[in-house]
Amino acid sequence: EQQALERLRHRVTAKAQEAEDLEPMLERLGRALLPSAPAEAQARALNPVSPRWGNFGFQSSDPRTDLRTGRLALECLLYFAERYPEIALQVVGEARTDSVDYPFAVASINVTHHLARCLGLSGEGDGMTVSRTTLQHFARTMLRSESSGQGRDAFAELQCATVRRLHSVWCSLKEKTPTLTVMDFEPCMRDTILAARHFLRTADLDELKN
């Protein structure tokens, strides 16, 4: 269990911007989020700097500027886009609309950071950190996931489920109160992370599908 947690901690702390496979991962992310685009358009989107990255919810035309955290944030974005492509495309598309309007990629990166804090993996201890018992429970879940042979990543599954919940809650709030802006997004993020923390206490990986 401890080794599984250490492997996850390394993914949290290893800087994405320094990763040798940063560019290949970004290329895969771009292709996953533009599956129907002509090859020429995909090539333009995968340039080191392209306005298309802003369409995915990065803050600028260079996604690397948002990837100042560990590589796990990028891995989770890529996992969501490749493993659940239809859902990812729907969420990214809706997030861009005027009626929803939030930066999907930035929100996903922040979710990864908050979940890592909940699991005590980021070195930022606070009142949000789960108990040792919960952490051991999650470590066992990771080990089952790794041994399943299905290519599933327990943390990434948790992160994807959390992102989807965040998106759903924000869409509902915006529908009820259209005047909300991204400045009102933080309380929604906080409540979603609290829900994920509660979920971690008892859930197992199979429940994340729901």
Protein backbone atom coordinates (compact mmCIF):
# COMPACT_ATOMS: atom_id res chain seq x y z
CA GLU A 1 0.00 0.00 0.00
CA GLN A 2 2.79 2.40 0.90
CA GLN A 3 4.53 1.82 -2.43
CA ALA A 4 1.29 2.58 -4.30
CA LEU A 5 0.97 5.86 -2.42
CA GLU A 6 4.61 6.75 -3.06
CA ARG A 7 4.16 6.18 -6.78
CA LEU A 8 1.14 8.47 -6.74
CA ARG A 9 3.00 11.07 -4.67
CA HIS A 10 5.78 11.10 -7.26
CA ARG A 11 3.23 11.84 -10.00
CA VAL A 12 1.91 14.70 -7.86
CA THR A 13 5.32 16.28 -7.25
CA ALA A 14 7.14 15.57 -10.55
CA LYS A 15 6.83 18.80 -12.54
CA ALA A 16 4.86 18.48 -15.77
CA GLN A 17 6.90 21.23 -17.41
CA GLU A 18 10.08 19.20 -16.84
CA ALA A 19 8.68 15.87 -18.05
CA GLU A 20 10.50 14.31 -21.02
CA ASP A 21 7.17 13.16 -22.44
CA LEU A 22 5.39 16.52 -22.01
CA GLU A 23 5.14 17.22 -25.74
CA PRO A 24 3.85 13.74 -26.68
CA MET A 25 1.22 13.94 -23.93
CA LEU A 26 0.07 17.36 -25.16
CA GLU A 27 -0.13 16.05 -28.72
CA ARG A 28 -2.28 13.13 -27.56
CA LEU A 29 -4.50 15.51 -25.59
CA GLY A 30 -4.98 17.75 -28.60
CA ARG A 31 -5.85 14.81 -30.85
CA ALA A 32 -8.30 13.39 -28.32
CA LEU A 33 -10.12 16.71 -28.01
CA LEU A 34 -10.22 17.26 -31.80
CA PRO A 35 -11.13 13.77 -33.05
CA SER A 36 -13.11 14.91 -36.10
CA ALA A 37 -10.79 17.70 -37.19
CA PRO A 38 -8.93 17.33 -40.50
CA ALA A 39 -5.29 16.33 -40.18
CA GLU A 40 -4.12 19.81 -41.17
CA ALA A 41 -6.28 21.45 -38.48
CA GLN A 42 -5.02 18.99 -35.88
CA ALA A 43 -1.44 19.80 -36.82
CA ARG A 44 -2.10 23.51 -36.30
CA ALA A 45 -3.77 22.82 -32.95
CA LEU A 46 -0.74 20.86 -31.76
CA ASN A 47 1.75 23.65 -32.38
CA PRO A 48 3.60 24.69 -29.21
CA VAL A 49 1.48 27.84 -29.16
CA SER A 50 -2.03 27.86 -30.62
CA PRO A 51 -5.26 29.69 -29.77
CA ARG A 52 -7.06 26.34 -29.96
CA TRP A 53 -5.66 25.44 -26.55
CA GLY A 54 -7.79 28.24 -25.15
CA ASN A 55 -10.84 26.45 -26.54
CA PHE A 56 -10.10 23.57 -24.18
CA GLY A 57 -10.05 25.87 -21.17
CA PHE A 58 -6.38 26.76 -20.84
CA GLN A 59 -5.75 30.37 -19.89
CA SER A 60 -3.57 31.15 -22.89
CA SER A 61 -2.51 29.81 -26.24
CA ASP A 62 0.36 27.95 -24.54
CA PRO A 63 -0.97 25.18 -22.25
CA ARG A 64 2.42 24.77 -20.60
CA THR A 65 1.88 27.97 -18.63
CA ASP A 66 -0.99 26.29 -16.75
CA LEU A 67 0.98 23.11 -16.08
CA ARG A 68 3.15 24.44 -13.29
CA THR A 69 1.94 21.70 -10.96
CA GLY A 70 2.82 18.01 -10.99
CA ARG A 71 2.47 15.87 -14.08
CA LEU A 72 -0.56 14.16 -12.54
CA ALA A 73 -2.76 17.10 -13.59
CA LEU A 74 -1.88 16.58 -17.25
CA GLU A 75 -2.16 12.81 -16.93
CA CYS A 76 -5.71 13.18 -15.59
CA LEU A 77 -6.72 15.53 -18.41
CA LEU A 78 -5.36 13.03 -20.91
CA TYR A 79 -7.00 10.07 -19.16
CA PHE A 80 -10.41 11.75 -19.26
CA ALA A 81 -10.05 12.73 -22.93
CA GLU A 82 -8.86 9.30 -24.09
CA ARG A 83 -10.86 6.97 -21.85
CA TYR A 84 -14.16 8.87 -21.93
CA PRO A 85 -13.92 10.79 -25.22
CA GLU A 86 -17.64 11.42 -25.78
CA ILE A 87 -18.16 12.72 -22.25
CA ALA A 88 -14.97 14.80 -22.37
CA LEU A 89 -15.96 16.42 -25.65
CA GLN A 90 -19.41 17.20 -24.29
CA VAL A 91 -18.04 18.76 -21.10
CA VAL A 92 -15.40 20.80 -22.94
CA GLY A 93 -17.97 22.00 -25.46
CA GLU A 94 -20.52 22.99 -22.83
CA ALA A 95 -17.90 24.75 -20.71
CA ARG A 96 -17.15 27.04 -23.67
CA THR A 97 -20.75 28.19 -24.10
CA ASP A 98 -21.94 31.54 -22.78
CA SER A 99 -24.54 29.81 -20.62
CA VAL A 100 -21.94 27.73 -18.74
CA ASP A 101 -18.66 29.59 -19.30
CA TYR A 102 -15.75 28.30 -17.23
CA PRO A 103 -12.19 27.23 -18.17
CA PHE A 104 -12.43 23.43 -18.25
CA ALA A 105 -8.70 22.63 -18.36
CA VAL A 106 -7.87 25.01 -15.51
CA ALA A 107 -10.74 23.62 -13.44
CA SER A 108 -9.52 20.06 -14.06
CA ILE A 109 -5.98 20.98 -13.01
CA ASN A 110 -7.35 22.54 -9.81
CA VAL A 111 -9.44 19.45 -9.06
CA THR A 112 -6.31 17.30 -9.31
CA HIS A 113 -4.49 19.63 -6.93
CA HIS A 114 -7.32 19.62 -4.38
CA LEU A 115 -7.72 15.84 -4.47
CA ALA A 116 -3.98 15.39 -3.95
CA ARG A 117 -4.25 17.67 -0.91
CA CYS A 118 -7.17 15.59 0.41
CA LEU A 119 -5.00 12.50 0.20
CA GLY A 120 -2.07 14.27 1.87
CA LEU A 121 0.14 13.86 -1.19
CA SER A 122 1.00 17.46 -2.02
CA GLY A 123 2.83 18.46 1.14
CA GLU A 124 0.12 20.99 1.96
CA GLY A 125 -1.45 19.58 5.09
CA ASP A 126 -4.71 21.13 6.19
CA GLY A 127 -8.09 20.23 7.61
CA MET A 128 -9.17 18.72 4.30
CA THR A 129 -6.78 15.75 4.55
CA VAL A 130 -8.54 12.40 4.91
CA SER A 131 -7.79 10.00 7.77
CA ARG A 132 -5.06 7.39 7.61
CA THR A 133 -7.71 4.68 7.42
CA THR A 134 -9.28 6.34 4.38
CA LEU A 135 -5.87 6.73 2.76
CA GLN A 136 -5.12 3.03 3.27
CA HIS A 137 -8.50 2.18 1.81
CA PHE A 138 -7.72 4.23 -1.29
CA ALA A 139 -4.27 2.64 -1.56
CA ARG A 140 -5.92 -0.79 -1.67
CA THR A 141 -8.26 0.50 -4.35
CA MET A 142 -5.26 1.64 -6.40
CA LEU A 143 -3.62 -1.77 -6.05
CA ARG A 144 -6.80 -3.54 -7.21
CA SER A 145 -6.99 -1.15 -10.13
CA GLU A 146 -3.36 -1.71 -11.12
CA SER A 147 -3.74 -5.50 -10.99
CA SER A 148 -7.00 -5.60 -12.96
CA GLY A 149 -5.22 -5.43 -16.32
CA GLN A 150 -7.87 -3.04 -17.63
CA GLY A 151 -5.66 0.04 -17.77
CA ARG A 152 -7.68 1.79 -15.11
CA ASP A 153 -6.12 4.43 -12.88
CA ALA A 154 -7.85 4.78 -9.51
CA PHE A 155 -6.86 8.40 -8.93
CA ALA A 156 -7.72 9.40 -12.49
CA GLU A 157 -11.12 7.71 -12.16
CA LEU A 158 -11.75 9.69 -8.98
CA GLN A 159 -10.59 12.86 -10.68
CA CYS A 160 -12.80 12.31 -13.73
CA ALA A 161 -15.84 11.64 -11.54
CA THR A 162 -15.11 14.80 -9.54
CA VAL A 163 -14.72 16.91 -12.69
CA ARG A 164 -18.02 15.60 -14.02
CA ARG A 165 -19.77 16.40 -10.75
CA LEU A 166 -18.24 19.88 -10.71
CA HIS A 167 -19.46 20.47 -14.25
CA SER A 168 -22.95 19.21 -13.48
CA VAL A 169 -23.31 21.30 -10.33
CA TRP A 170 -22.03 24.45 -12.06
CA CYS A 171 -24.41 23.93 -15.00
CA SER A 172 -27.32 23.62 -12.58
CA LEU A 173 -26.29 26.75 -10.70
CA LYS A 174 -25.91 28.71 -13.92
CA GLU A 175 -29.32 27.57 -15.10
CA LYS A 176 -30.91 28.83 -11.88
CA THR A 177 -28.81 32.02 -11.71
CA PRO A 178 -27.54 32.99 -15.18
CA THR A 179 -25.77 36.07 -13.80
CA LEU A 180 -23.15 33.93 -12.03
CA THR A 181 -19.66 34.36 -13.42
CA VAL A 182 -16.38 32.50 -13.09
CA MET A 183 -15.74 34.70 -10.05
CA ASP A 184 -18.46 32.65 -8.30
CA PHE A 185 -16.85 29.34 -9.27
CA GLU A 186 -14.72 28.77 -6.15
CA PRO A 187 -17.61 27.89 -3.77
CA CYS A 188 -18.78 25.33 -6.31
CA MET A 189 -15.28 23.88 -6.45
CA ARG A 190 -15.04 23.76 -2.66
CA ASP A 191 -18.38 21.98 -2.25
CA THR A 192 -17.45 19.47 -4.95
CA ILE A 193 -14.13 18.65 -3.27
CA LEU A 194 -15.92 18.23 0.06
CA ALA A 195 -18.28 15.76 -1.63
CA ALA A 196 -15.29 13.88 -3.08
CA ARG A 197 -13.66 13.77 0.35
CA HIS A 198 -16.84 12.29 1.82
CA PHE A 199 -16.99 9.78 -1.02
CA LEU A 200 -13.42 8.64 -0.35
CA ARG A 201 -14.32 7.47 3.14
CA THR A 202 -16.35 4.47 2.01
CA ALA A 203 -16.39 4.11 -1.78
CA ASP A 204 -14.42 1.76 -4.00
CA LEU A 205 -13.29 2.19 -7.58
CA ASP A 206 -16.32 0.48 -9.15
CA GLU A 207 -18.62 3.07 -7.61
CA LEU A 208 -16.82 5.86 -9.47
CA LYS A 209 -18.62 4.84 -12.66
CA ASN A 210 -21.85 6.05 -11.09
